Amino acid sequence: MHEIQLGDVTVTRVEETHGPIMPTGAFFPTIAAYAWRTGPELLTPDHLGADDDMVHVAMQTWLLRSEGRTILVDTAVGNDTRTTTASPPCTSTGRSSCGRTRM
């Protein structure tokens, strides 16, 4: 996990997966091969493999924490992993942890 502080909010990245997904030519077929070799320090190792010409991506979710509250920002691009845990209501105002009003 990686954390940064933005004012009174702690932002935590929870990485599900990170790595190669496909060759650069398949990911962006209209970009010339030489363009991927221009400024490699901007792309490797986070976005482009140093030796394999593969595009790398990260699938992650984010936790925002401030003033005793926690917000989960789910980017919904994971690997189809299902969870079975349920979160309790975050306040006593009748709102569930996902922001919908309870019936």
PDB file of N, CA and C in Angstrom:
ATOM      1  N   MET A   1       0.845  -1.181   0.000  1.00  0.00           N
ATOM      2  CA  MET A   1       0.000   0.000   0.000  1.00  0.00           C
ATOM      3  C   MET A   1       0.883   1.234   0.000  1.00  0.00           C
ATOM      4  N   HIS A   2       0.385   2.267  -0.647  1.00  0.00           N
ATOM      5  CA  HIS A   2       1.095   3.535  -0.700  1.00  0.00           C
ATOM      6  C   HIS A   2       0.157   4.614  -0.176  1.00  0.00           C
ATOM      7  N   GLU A   3       0.687   5.476   0.681  1.00  0.00           N
ATOM      8  CA  GLU A   3      -0.126   6.535   1.286  1.00  0.00           C
ATOM      9  C   GLU A   3       0.467   7.897   1.014  1.00  0.00           C
ATOM     10  N   ILE A   4      -0.441   8.878   0.847  1.00  0.00           N
ATOM     11  CA  ILE A   4      -0.042  10.276   0.803  1.00  0.00           C
ATOM     12  C   ILE A   4      -1.022  11.066   1.662  1.00  0.00           C
ATOM     13  N   GLN A   5      -0.588  12.205   2.122  1.00  0.00           N
ATOM     14  CA  GLN A   5      -1.410  13.072   2.939  1.00  0.00           C
ATOM     15  C   GLN A   5      -1.769  14.308   2.130  1.00  0.00           C
ATOM     16  N   LEU A   6      -3.058  14.592   1.987  1.00  0.00           N
ATOM     17  CA  LEU A   6      -3.544  15.796   1.308  1.00  0.00           C
ATOM     18  C   LEU A   6      -4.363  16.591   2.320  1.00  0.00           C
ATOM     19  N   GLY A   7      -3.732  17.578   2.931  1.00  0.00           N
ATOM     20  CA  GLY A   7      -4.397  18.318   4.000  1.00  0.00           C
ATOM     21  C   GLY A   7      -4.699  17.383   5.146  1.00  0.00           C
ATOM     22  N   ASP A   8      -5.988  17.289   5.551  1.00  0.00           N
ATOM     23  CA  ASP A   8      -6.349  16.379   6.633  1.00  0.00           C
ATOM     24  C   ASP A   8      -6.873  15.036   6.122  1.00  0.00           C
ATOM     25  N   VAL A   9      -6.673  14.755   4.831  1.00  0.00           N
ATOM     26  CA  VAL A   9      -7.123  13.501   4.236  1.00  0.00           C
ATOM     27  C   VAL A   9      -5.919  12.603   3.937  1.00  0.00           C
ATOM     28  N   THR A  10      -5.988  11.374   4.434  1.00  0.00           N
ATOM     29  CA  THR A  10      -4.981  10.374   4.103  1.00  0.00           C
ATOM     30  C   THR A  10      -5.523   9.550   2.944  1.00  0.00           C
ATOM     31  N   VAL A  11      -4.768   9.491   1.853  1.00  0.00           N
ATOM     32  CA  VAL A  11      -5.161   8.741   0.664  1.00  0.00           C
ATOM     33  C   VAL A  11      -4.275   7.498   0.588  1.00  0.00           C
ATOM     34  N   THR A  12      -4.907   6.337   0.579  1.00  0.00           N
ATOM     35  CA  THR A  12      -4.183   5.073   0.536  1.00  0.00           C
ATOM     36  C   THR A  12      -4.545   4.331  -0.739  1.00  0.00           C
ATOM     37  N   ARG A  13      -3.522   3.953  -1.496  1.00  0.00           N
ATOM     38  CA  ARG A  13      -3.728   3.146  -2.703  1.00  0.00           C
ATOM     39  C   ARG A  13      -3.614   1.688  -2.307  1.00  0.00           C
ATOM     40  N   VAL A  14      -4.635   0.904  -2.634  1.00  0.00           N
ATOM     41  CA  VAL A  14      -4.626  -0.526  -2.370  1.00  0.00           C
ATOM     42  C   VAL A  14      -4.539  -1.212  -3.733  1.00  0.00           C
ATOM     43  N   GLU A  15      -3.368  -1.728  -4.023  1.00  0.00           N
ATOM     44  CA  GLU A  15      -3.115  -2.315  -5.342  1.00  0.00           C
ATOM     45  C   GLU A  15      -3.630  -3.746  -5.417  1.00  0.00           C
ATOM     46  N   GLU A  16      -4.447  -4.020  -6.429  1.00  0.00           N
ATOM     47  CA  GLU A  16      -4.922  -5.378  -6.650  1.00  0.00           C
ATOM     48  C   GLU A  16      -3.946  -6.140  -7.536  1.00  0.00           C
ATOM     49  N   THR A  17      -3.523  -5.497  -8.600  1.00  0.00           N
ATOM     50  CA  THR A  17      -2.544  -6.112  -9.490  1.00  0.00           C
ATOM     51  C   THR A  17      -1.814  -5.023 -10.252  1.00  0.00           C
ATOM     52  N   HIS A  18      -0.595  -5.315 -10.663  1.00  0.00           N
ATOM     53  CA  HIS A  18       0.187  -4.383 -11.466  1.00  0.00           C
ATOM     54  C   HIS A  18       1.131  -5.201 -12.324  1.00  0.00           C
ATOM     55  N   GLY A  19       1.127  -4.932 -13.621  1.00  0.00           N
ATOM     56  CA  GLY A  19       2.045  -5.668 -14.473  1.00  0.00           C
ATOM     57  C   GLY A  19       1.665  -5.596 -15.936  1.00  0.00           C
ATOM     58  N   PRO A  20       2.332  -6.409 -16.750  1.00  0.00           N
ATOM     59  CA  PRO A  20       2.140  -6.357 -18.194  1.00  0.00           C
ATOM     60  C   PRO A  20       0.791  -6.925 -18.618  1.00  0.00           C
ATOM     61  N   ILE A  21       0.194  -6.280 -19.634  1.00  0.00           N
ATOM     62  CA  ILE A  21      -1.084  -6.784 -20.142  1.00  0.00           C
ATOM     63  C   ILE A  21      -1.039  -7.122 -21.630  1.00  0.00           C
ATOM     64  N   MET A  22      -0.252  -6.366 -22.427  1.00  0.00           N
ATOM     65  CA  MET A  22      -0.168  -6.650 -23.858  1.00  0.00           C
ATOM     66  C   MET A  22       0.952  -5.835 -24.492  1.00  0.00           C
ATOM     67  N   PRO A  23       1.395  -6.233 -25.677  1.00  0.00           N
ATOM     68  CA  PRO A  23       2.444  -5.477 -26.369  1.00  0.00           C
ATOM     69  C   PRO A  23       1.961  -4.069 -26.734  1.00  0.00           C
ATOM     70  N   THR A  24       2.906  -3.140 -26.795  1.00  0.00           N
ATOM     71  CA  THR A  24       2.560  -1.749 -27.103  1.00  0.00           C
ATOM     72  C   THR A  24       1.791  -1.623 -28.414  1.00  0.00           C
ATOM     73  N   GLY A  25       2.177  -2.361 -29.435  1.00  0.00           N
ATOM     74  CA  GLY A  25       1.511  -2.280 -30.738  1.00  0.00           C
ATOM     75  C   GLY A  25       0.069  -2.729 -30.707  1.00  0.00           C
ATOM     76  N   ALA A  26      -0.267  -3.629 -29.810  1.00  0.00           N
ATOM     77  CA  ALA A  26      -1.651  -4.085 -29.678  1.00  0.00           C
ATOM     78  C   ALA A  26      -2.476  -3.111 -28.845  1.00  0.00           C
ATOM     79  N   PHE A  27      -1.849  -2.496 -27.861  1.00  0.00           N
ATOM     80  CA  PHE A  27      -2.562  -1.578 -26.963  1.00  0.00           C
ATOM     81  C   PHE A  27      -2.886  -0.264 -27.665  1.00  0.00           C
ATOM     82  N   PHE A  28      -1.902   0.297 -28.375  1.00  0.00           N
ATOM     83  CA  PHE A  28      -2.071   1.533 -29.144  1.00  0.00           C
ATOM     84  C   PHE A  28      -1.554   1.290 -30.559  1.00  0.00           C
ATOM     85  N   PRO A  29      -2.356   0.674 -31.422  1.00  0.00           N
ATOM     86  CA  PRO A  29      -1.860   0.274 -32.741  1.00  0.00           C
ATOM     87  C   PRO A  29      -1.475   1.432 -33.658  1.00  0.00           C
ATOM     88  N   THR A  30      -1.961   2.629 -33.403  1.00  0.00           N
ATOM     89  CA  THR A  30      -1.639   3.755 -34.289  1.00  0.00           C
ATOM     90  C   THR A  30      -0.387   4.520 -33.867  1.00  0.00           C
ATOM     91  N   ILE A  31       0.205   4.169 -32.735  1.00  0.00           N
ATOM     92  CA  ILE A  31       1.425   4.842 -32.287  1.00  0.00           C
ATOM     93  C   ILE A  31       2.638   4.081 -32.822  1.00  0.00           C
ATOM     94  N   ALA A  32       3.512   4.810 -33.489  1.00  0.00           N
ATOM     95  CA  ALA A  32       4.715   4.205 -34.072  1.00  0.00           C
ATOM     96  C   ALA A  32       5.611   3.621 -32.982  1.00  0.00           C
ATOM     97  N   ALA A  33       6.279   2.519 -33.290  1.00  0.00           N
ATOM     98  CA  ALA A  33       7.133   1.822 -32.324  1.00  0.00           C
ATOM     99  C   ALA A  33       8.214   2.729 -31.747  1.00  0.00           C
ATOM    100  N   TYR A  34       8.769   3.628 -32.564  1.00  0.00           N
ATOM    101  CA  TYR A  34       9.843   4.499 -32.070  1.00  0.00           C
ATOM    102  C   TYR A  34       9.356   5.432 -30.962  1.00  0.00           C
ATOM    103  N   ALA A  35       8.078   5.780 -30.974  1.00  0.00           N
ATOM    104  CA  ALA A  35       7.541   6.689 -29.958  1.00  0.00           C
ATOM    105  C   ALA A  35       7.633   6.086 -28.557  1.00  0.00           C
ATOM    106  N   TRP A  36       7.540   4.781 -28.458  1.00  0.00           N
ATOM    107  CA  TRP A  36       7.641   4.115 -27.165  1.00  0.00           C
ATOM    108  C   TRP A  36       9.057   4.167 -26.620  1.00  0.00           C
ATOM    109  N   ARG A  37      10.035   4.347 -27.488  1.00  0.00           N
ATOM    110  CA  ARG A  37      11.434   4.388 -27.045  1.00  0.00           C
ATOM    111  C   ARG A  37      11.903   5.817 -26.761  1.00  0.00           C
ATOM    112  N   THR A  38      11.051   6.808 -27.002  1.00  0.00           N
ATOM    113  CA  THR A  38      11.384   8.204 -26.727  1.00  0.00           C
ATOM    114  C   THR A  38      11.052   8.510 -25.269  1.00  0.00           C
ATOM    115  N   GLY A  39      12.045   8.908 -24.506  1.00  0.00           N
ATOM    116  CA  GLY A  39      11.833   9.237 -23.093  1.00  0.00           C
ATOM    117  C   GLY A  39      11.430   8.050 -22.251  1.00  0.00           C
ATOM    118  N   PRO A  40      12.167   6.945 -22.314  1.00  0.00           N
ATOM    119  CA  PRO A  40      11.755   5.744 -21.572  1.00  0.00           C
ATOM    120  C   PRO A  40      11.692   5.945 -20.060  1.00  0.00           C
ATOM    121  N   GLU A  41      12.444   6.899 -19.541  1.00  0.00           N
ATOM    122  CA  GLU A  41      12.427   7.130 -18.096  1.00  0.00           C
ATOM    123  C   GLU A  41      11.063   7.619 -17.614  1.00  0.00           C
ATOM    124  N   LEU A  42      10.243   8.134 -18.531  1.00  0.00           N
ATOM    125  CA  LEU A  42       8.902   8.578 -18.160  1.00  0.00           C
ATOM    126  C   LEU A  42       7.918   7.414 -18.063  1.00  0.00           C
ATOM    127  N   LEU A  43       8.231   6.309 -18.719  1.00  0.00           N
ATOM    128  CA  LEU A  43       7.297   5.183 -18.783  1.00  0.00           C
ATOM    129  C   LEU A  43       7.719   3.948 -17.985  1.00  0.00           C
ATOM    130  N   THR A  44       9.028   3.670 -17.938  1.00  0.00           N
ATOM    131  CA  THR A  44       9.496   2.474 -17.246  1.00  0.00           C
ATOM    132  C   THR A  44       9.830   2.790 -15.789  1.00  0.00           C
ATOM    133  N   PRO A  45       9.539   1.874 -14.923  1.00  0.00           N
ATOM    134  CA  PRO A  45       8.958   0.545 -15.089  1.00  0.00           C
ATOM    135  C   PRO A  45       7.457   0.505 -14.859  1.00  0.00           C
ATOM    136  N   ASP A  46       6.844   1.639 -14.471  1.00  0.00           N
ATOM    137  CA  ASP A  46       5.433   1.615 -14.074  1.00  0.00           C
ATOM    138  C   ASP A  46       4.457   1.388 -15.221  1.00  0.00           C
ATOM    139  N   HIS A  47       4.766   1.909 -16.413  1.00  0.00           N
ATOM    140  CA  HIS A  47       3.809   1.849 -17.512  1.00  0.00           C
ATOM    141  C   HIS A  47       4.288   1.041 -18.709  1.00  0.00           C
ATOM    142  N   LEU A  48       5.566   0.751 -18.748  1.00  0.00           N
ATOM    143  CA  LEU A  48       6.151   0.034 -19.881  1.00  0.00           C
ATOM    144  C   LEU A  48       7.280  -0.847 -19.374  1.00  0.00           C
ATOM    145  N   GLY A  49       7.292  -2.103 -19.819  1.00  0.00           N
ATOM    146  CA  GLY A  49       8.370  -3.011 -19.438  1.00  0.00           C
ATOM    147  C   GLY A  49       9.688  -2.551 -20.027  1.00  0.00           C
ATOM    148  N   ALA A  50      10.753  -2.626 -19.265  1.00  0.00           N
ATOM    149  CA  ALA A  50      12.058  -2.156 -19.722  1.00  0.00           C
ATOM    150  C   ALA A  50      12.626  -3.018 -20.837  1.00  0.00           C
ATOM    151  N   ASP A  51      12.338  -4.308 -20.835  1.00  0.00           N
ATOM    152  CA  ASP A  51      12.951  -5.213 -21.803  1.00  0.00           C
ATOM    153  C   ASP A  51      11.959  -5.977 -22.666  1.00  0.00           C
ATOM    154  N   ASP A  52      10.671  -5.853 -22.414  1.00  0.00           N
ATOM    155  CA  ASP A  52       9.730  -6.736 -23.096  1.00  0.00           C
ATOM    156  C   ASP A  52       8.710  -6.035 -24.001  1.00  0.00           C
ATOM    157  N   ASP A  53       8.750  -4.696 -24.128  1.00  0.00           N
ATOM    158  CA  ASP A  53       7.827  -3.968 -24.994  1.00  0.00           C
ATOM    159  C   ASP A  53       6.365  -4.214 -24.618  1.00  0.00           C
ATOM    160  N   MET A  54       6.119  -4.428 -23.335  1.00  0.00           N
ATOM    161  CA  MET A  54       4.760  -4.687 -22.860  1.00  0.00           C
ATOM    162  C   MET A  54       4.238  -3.483 -22.083  1.00  0.00           C
ATOM    163  N   VAL A  55       2.978  -3.131 -22.327  1.00  0.00           N
ATOM    164  CA  VAL A  55       2.303  -2.078 -21.569  1.00  0.00           C
ATOM    165  C   VAL A  55       1.960  -2.645 -20.195  1.00  0.00           C
ATOM    166  N   HIS A  56       2.267  -1.882 -19.145  1.00  0.00           N
ATOM    167  CA  HIS A  56       1.955  -2.280 -17.774  1.00  0.00           C
ATOM    168  C   HIS A  56       0.804  -1.419 -17.266  1.00  0.00           C
ATOM    169  N   VAL A  57      -0.102  -2.014 -16.527  1.00  0.00           N
ATOM    170  CA  VAL A  57      -1.207  -1.272 -15.918  1.00  0.00           C
ATOM    171  C   VAL A  57      -1.324  -1.662 -14.447  1.00  0.00           C
ATOM    172  N   ALA A  58      -1.963  -0.795 -13.688  1.00  0.00           N
ATOM    173  CA  ALA A  58      -2.261  -1.076 -12.286  1.00  0.00           C
ATOM    174  C   ALA A  58      -3.772  -1.072 -12.113  1.00  0.00           C
ATOM    175  N   MET A  59      -4.260  -2.050 -11.386  1.00  0.00           N
ATOM    176  CA  MET A  59      -5.666  -2.089 -10.994  1.00  0.00           C
ATOM    177  C   MET A  59      -5.679  -1.920  -9.495  1.00  0.00           C
ATOM    178  N   GLN A  60      -6.415  -0.926  -9.041  1.00  0.00           N
ATOM    179  CA  GLN A  60      -6.336  -0.560  -7.633  1.00  0.00           C
ATOM    180  C   GLN A  60      -7.629   0.068  -7.166  1.00  0.00           C
ATOM    181  N   THR A  61      -7.717   0.204  -5.878  1.00  0.00           N
ATOM    182  CA  THR A  61      -8.811   0.923  -5.255  1.00  0.00           C
ATOM    183  C   THR A  61      -8.182   1.940  -4.306  1.00  0.00           C
ATOM    184  N   TRP A  62      -8.962   2.869  -3.833  1.00  0.00           N
ATOM    185  CA  TRP A  62      -8.426   3.945  -2.993  1.00  0.00           C
ATOM    186  C   TRP A  62      -9.221   4.044  -1.700  1.00  0.00           C
ATOM    187  N   LEU A  63      -8.524   4.326  -0.600  1.00  0.00           N
ATOM    188  CA  LEU A  63      -9.151   4.615   0.684  1.00  0.00           C
ATOM    189  C   LEU A  63      -8.856   6.062   1.034  1.00  0.00           C
ATOM    190  N   LEU A  64      -9.893   6.795   1.385  1.00  0.00           N
ATOM    191  CA  LEU A  64      -9.746   8.178   1.842  1.00  0.00           C
ATOM    192  C   LEU A  64     -10.149   8.197   3.303  1.00  0.00           C
ATOM    193  N   ARG A  65      -9.267   8.729   4.165  1.00  0.00           N
ATOM    194  CA  ARG A  65      -9.554   8.783   5.599  1.00  0.00           C
ATOM    195  C   ARG A  65      -9.404  10.211   6.094  1.00  0.00           C
ATOM    196  N   SER A  66     -10.436  10.658   6.807  1.00  0.00           N
ATOM    197  CA  SER A  66     -10.399  12.006   7.372  1.00  0.00           C
ATOM    198  C   SER A  66     -11.457  12.113   8.463  1.00  0.00           C
ATOM    199  N   GLU A  67     -11.109  12.773   9.541  1.00  0.00           N
ATOM    200  CA  GLU A  67     -12.030  13.063  10.631  1.00  0.00           C
ATOM    201  C   GLU A  67     -12.780  11.826  11.109  1.00  0.00           C
ATOM    202  N   GLY A  68     -12.088  10.697  11.186  1.00  0.00           N
ATOM    203  CA  GLY A  68     -12.700   9.473  11.699  1.00  0.00           C
ATOM    204  C   GLY A  68     -13.558   8.722  10.704  1.00  0.00           C
ATOM    205  N   ARG A  69     -13.609   9.177   9.490  1.00  0.00           N
ATOM    206  CA  ARG A  69     -14.410   8.508   8.464  1.00  0.00           C
ATOM    207  C   ARG A  69     -13.503   7.898   7.410  1.00  0.00           C
ATOM    208  N   THR A  70     -13.988   6.832   6.805  1.00  0.00           N
ATOM    209  CA  THR A  70     -13.256   6.157   5.747  1.00  0.00           C
ATOM    210  C   THR A  70     -14.167   6.016   4.534  1.00  0.00           C
ATOM    211  N   ILE A  71     -13.660   6.410   3.377  1.00  0.00           N
ATOM    212  CA  ILE A  71     -14.402   6.286   2.125  1.00  0.00           C
ATOM    213  C   ILE A  71     -13.607   5.371   1.206  1.00  0.00           C
ATOM    214  N   LEU A  72     -14.276   4.372   0.665  1.00  0.00           N
ATOM    215  CA  LEU A  72     -13.663   3.462  -0.291  1.00  0.00           C
ATOM    216  C   LEU A  72     -14.054   3.903  -1.697  1.00  0.00           C
ATOM    217  N   VAL A  73     -13.072   4.148  -2.547  1.00  0.00           N
ATOM    218  CA  VAL A  73     -13.316   4.502  -3.943  1.00  0.00           C
ATOM    219  C   VAL A  73     -12.932   3.275  -4.768  1.00  0.00           C
ATOM    220  N   ASP A  74     -13.950   2.532  -5.201  1.00  0.00           N
ATOM    221  CA  ASP A  74     -13.722   1.313  -5.962  1.00  0.00           C
ATOM    222  C   ASP A  74     -13.733   1.669  -7.444  1.00  0.00           C
ATOM    223  N   THR A  75     -12.629   1.421  -8.134  1.00  0.00           N
ATOM    224  CA  THR A  75     -12.516   1.769  -9.549  1.00  0.00           C
ATOM    225  C   THR A  75     -13.180   0.749 -10.462  1.00  0.00           C
ATOM    226  N   ALA A  76     -13.606  -0.376  -9.913  1.00  0.00           N
ATOM    227  CA  ALA A  76     -14.384  -1.401 -10.631  1.00  0.00           C
ATOM    228  C   ALA A  76     -13.673  -1.943 -11.867  1.00  0.00           C
ATOM    229  N   VAL A  77     -12.355  -2.063 -11.810  1.00  0.00           N
ATOM    230  CA  VAL A  77     -11.615  -2.629 -12.940  1.00  0.00           C
ATOM    231  C   VAL A  77     -10.773  -3.818 -12.497  1.00  0.00           C
ATOM    232  N   GLY A  78     -11.180  -4.483 -11.446  1.00  0.00           N
ATOM    233  CA  GLY A  78     -10.390  -5.583 -10.901  1.00  0.00           C
ATOM    234  C   GLY A  78     -10.466  -6.856 -11.704  1.00  0.00           C
ATOM    235  N   ASN A  79      -9.997  -7.924 -11.094  1.00  0.00           N
ATOM    236  CA  ASN A  79      -9.916  -9.220 -11.769  1.00  0.00           C
ATOM    237  C   ASN A  79     -11.078 -10.124 -11.398  1.00  0.00           C
ATOM    238  N   ASP A  80     -12.242  -9.555 -11.190  1.00  0.00           N
ATOM    239  CA  ASP A  80     -13.475 -10.285 -10.867  1.00  0.00           C
ATOM    240  C   ASP A  80     -13.449 -10.970  -9.512  1.00  0.00           C
ATOM    241  N   THR A  81     -12.585 -10.510  -8.614  1.00  0.00           N
ATOM    242  CA  THR A  81     -12.552 -11.053  -7.266  1.00  0.00           C
ATOM    243  C   THR A  81     -13.807 -10.592  -6.533  1.00  0.00           C
ATOM    244  N   ARG A  82     -14.492 -11.500  -5.914  1.00  0.00           N
ATOM    245  CA  ARG A  82     -15.713 -11.174  -5.172  1.00  0.00           C
ATOM    246  C   ARG A  82     -15.394 -11.169  -3.674  1.00  0.00           C
ATOM    247  N   THR A  83     -15.980 -10.224  -2.967  1.00  0.00           N
ATOM    248  CA  THR A  83     -15.805 -10.193  -1.521  1.00  0.00           C
ATOM    249  C   THR A  83     -17.145 -10.480  -0.865  1.00  0.00           C
ATOM    250  N   THR A  84     -17.104 -10.968   0.344  1.00  0.00           N
ATOM    251  CA  THR A  84     -18.336 -11.312   1.056  1.00  0.00           C
ATOM    252  C   THR A  84     -18.504 -10.503   2.326  1.00  0.00           C
ATOM    253  N   THR A  85     -17.620  -9.540   2.567  1.00  0.00           N
ATOM    254  CA  THR A  85     -17.727  -8.756   3.788  1.00  0.00           C
ATOM    255  C   THR A  85     -18.704  -7.604   3.587  1.00  0.00           C
ATOM    256  N   ALA A  86     -19.384  -7.242   4.628  1.00  0.00           N
ATOM    257  CA  ALA A  86     -20.317  -6.123   4.586  1.00  0.00           C
ATOM    258  C   ALA A  86     -19.840  -5.062   5.567  1.00  0.00           C
ATOM    259  N   SER A  87     -20.038  -3.814   5.203  1.00  0.00           N
ATOM    260  CA  SER A  87     -19.631  -2.713   6.073  1.00  0.00           C
ATOM    261  C   SER A  87     -20.819  -2.254   6.893  1.00  0.00           C
ATOM    262  N   PRO A  88     -20.606  -1.915   8.153  1.00  0.00           N
ATOM    263  CA  PRO A  88     -21.694  -1.377   8.963  1.00  0.00           C
ATOM    264  C   PRO A  88     -22.004   0.048   8.531  1.00  0.00           C
ATOM    265  N   PRO A  89     -23.160   0.574   8.912  1.00  0.00           N
ATOM    266  CA  PRO A  89     -23.473   1.968   8.580  1.00  0.00           C
ATOM    267  C   PRO A  89     -22.389   2.902   9.092  1.00  0.00           C
ATOM    268  N   CYS A  90     -22.089   3.949   8.315  1.00  0.00           N
ATOM    269  CA  CYS A  90     -20.998   4.840   8.694  1.00  0.00           C
ATOM    270  C   CYS A  90     -21.455   5.950   9.625  1.00  0.00           C
ATOM    271  N   THR A  91     -22.763   6.224   9.707  1.00  0.00           N
ATOM    272  CA  THR A  91     -23.262   7.258  10.622  1.00  0.00           C
ATOM    273  C   THR A  91     -24.602   6.799  11.185  1.00  0.00           C
ATOM    274  N   SER A  92     -25.139   7.557  12.072  1.00  0.00           N
ATOM    275  CA  SER A  92     -26.451   7.239  12.638  1.00  0.00           C
ATOM    276  C   SER A  92     -27.567   7.971  11.905  1.00  0.00           C
ATOM    277  N   THR A  93     -27.295   8.510  10.723  1.00  0.00           N
ATOM    278  CA  THR A  93     -28.294   9.293   9.990  1.00  0.00           C
ATOM    279  C   THR A  93     -29.149   8.440   9.069  1.00  0.00           C
ATOM    280  N   GLY A  94     -29.010   7.111   9.118  1.00  0.00           N
ATOM    281  CA  GLY A  94     -29.805   6.264   8.267  1.00  0.00           C
ATOM    282  C   GLY A  94     -29.179   5.969   6.925  1.00  0.00           C
ATOM    283  N   ARG A  95     -27.932   6.350   6.758  1.00  0.00           N
ATOM    284  CA  ARG A  95     -27.247   6.078   5.500  1.00  0.00           C
ATOM    285  C   ARG A  95     -26.305   4.895   5.691  1.00  0.00           C
ATOM    286  N   SER A  96     -26.291   4.004   4.709  1.00  0.00           N
ATOM    287  CA  SER A  96     -25.369   2.873   4.798  1.00  0.00           C
ATOM    288  C   SER A  96     -23.986   3.322   4.376  1.00  0.00           C
ATOM    289  N   SER A  97     -23.021   2.429   4.507  1.00  0.00           N
ATOM    290  CA  SER A  97     -21.650   2.774   4.163  1.00  0.00           C
ATOM    291  C   SER A  97     -21.472   3.064   2.694  1.00  0.00           C
ATOM    292  N   CYS A  98     -22.389   2.632   1.841  1.00  0.00           N
ATOM    293  CA  CYS A  98     -22.257   2.903   0.414  1.00  0.00           C
ATOM    294  C   CYS A  98     -22.992   4.177   0.014  1.00  0.00           C
ATOM    295  N   GLY A  99     -23.583   4.883   0.967  1.00  0.00           N
ATOM    296  CA  GLY A  99     -24.207   6.157   0.660  1.00  0.00           C
ATOM    297  C   GLY A  99     -25.691   6.062   0.308  1.00  0.00           C
ATOM    298  N   ARG A 100     -26.253   4.874   0.247  1.00  0.00           N
ATOM    299  CA  ARG A 100     -27.672   4.721  -0.054  1.00  0.00           C
ATOM    300  C   ARG A 100     -28.464   4.761   1.241  1.00  0.00           C
ATOM    301  N   THR A 101     -29.667   5.293   1.183  1.00  0.00           N
ATOM    302  CA  THR A 101     -30.506   5.344   2.364  1.00  0.00           C
ATOM    303  C   THR A 101     -31.062   3.953   2.659  1.00  0.00           C
ATOM    304  N   ARG A 102     -30.970   3.558   3.913  1.00  0.00           N
ATOM    305  CA  ARG A 102     -31.502   2.257   4.316  1.00  0.00           C
ATOM    306  C   ARG A 102     -33.018   2.314   4.377  1.00  0.00           C
ATOM    307  N   MET A 103     -33.652   1.210   4.040  1.00  0.00           N
ATOM    308  CA  MET A 103     -35.117   1.118   4.111  1.00  0.00           C
ATOM    309  C   MET A 103     -35.534   0.601   5.450  1.00  0.00           C
TER     310      MET A 103
END
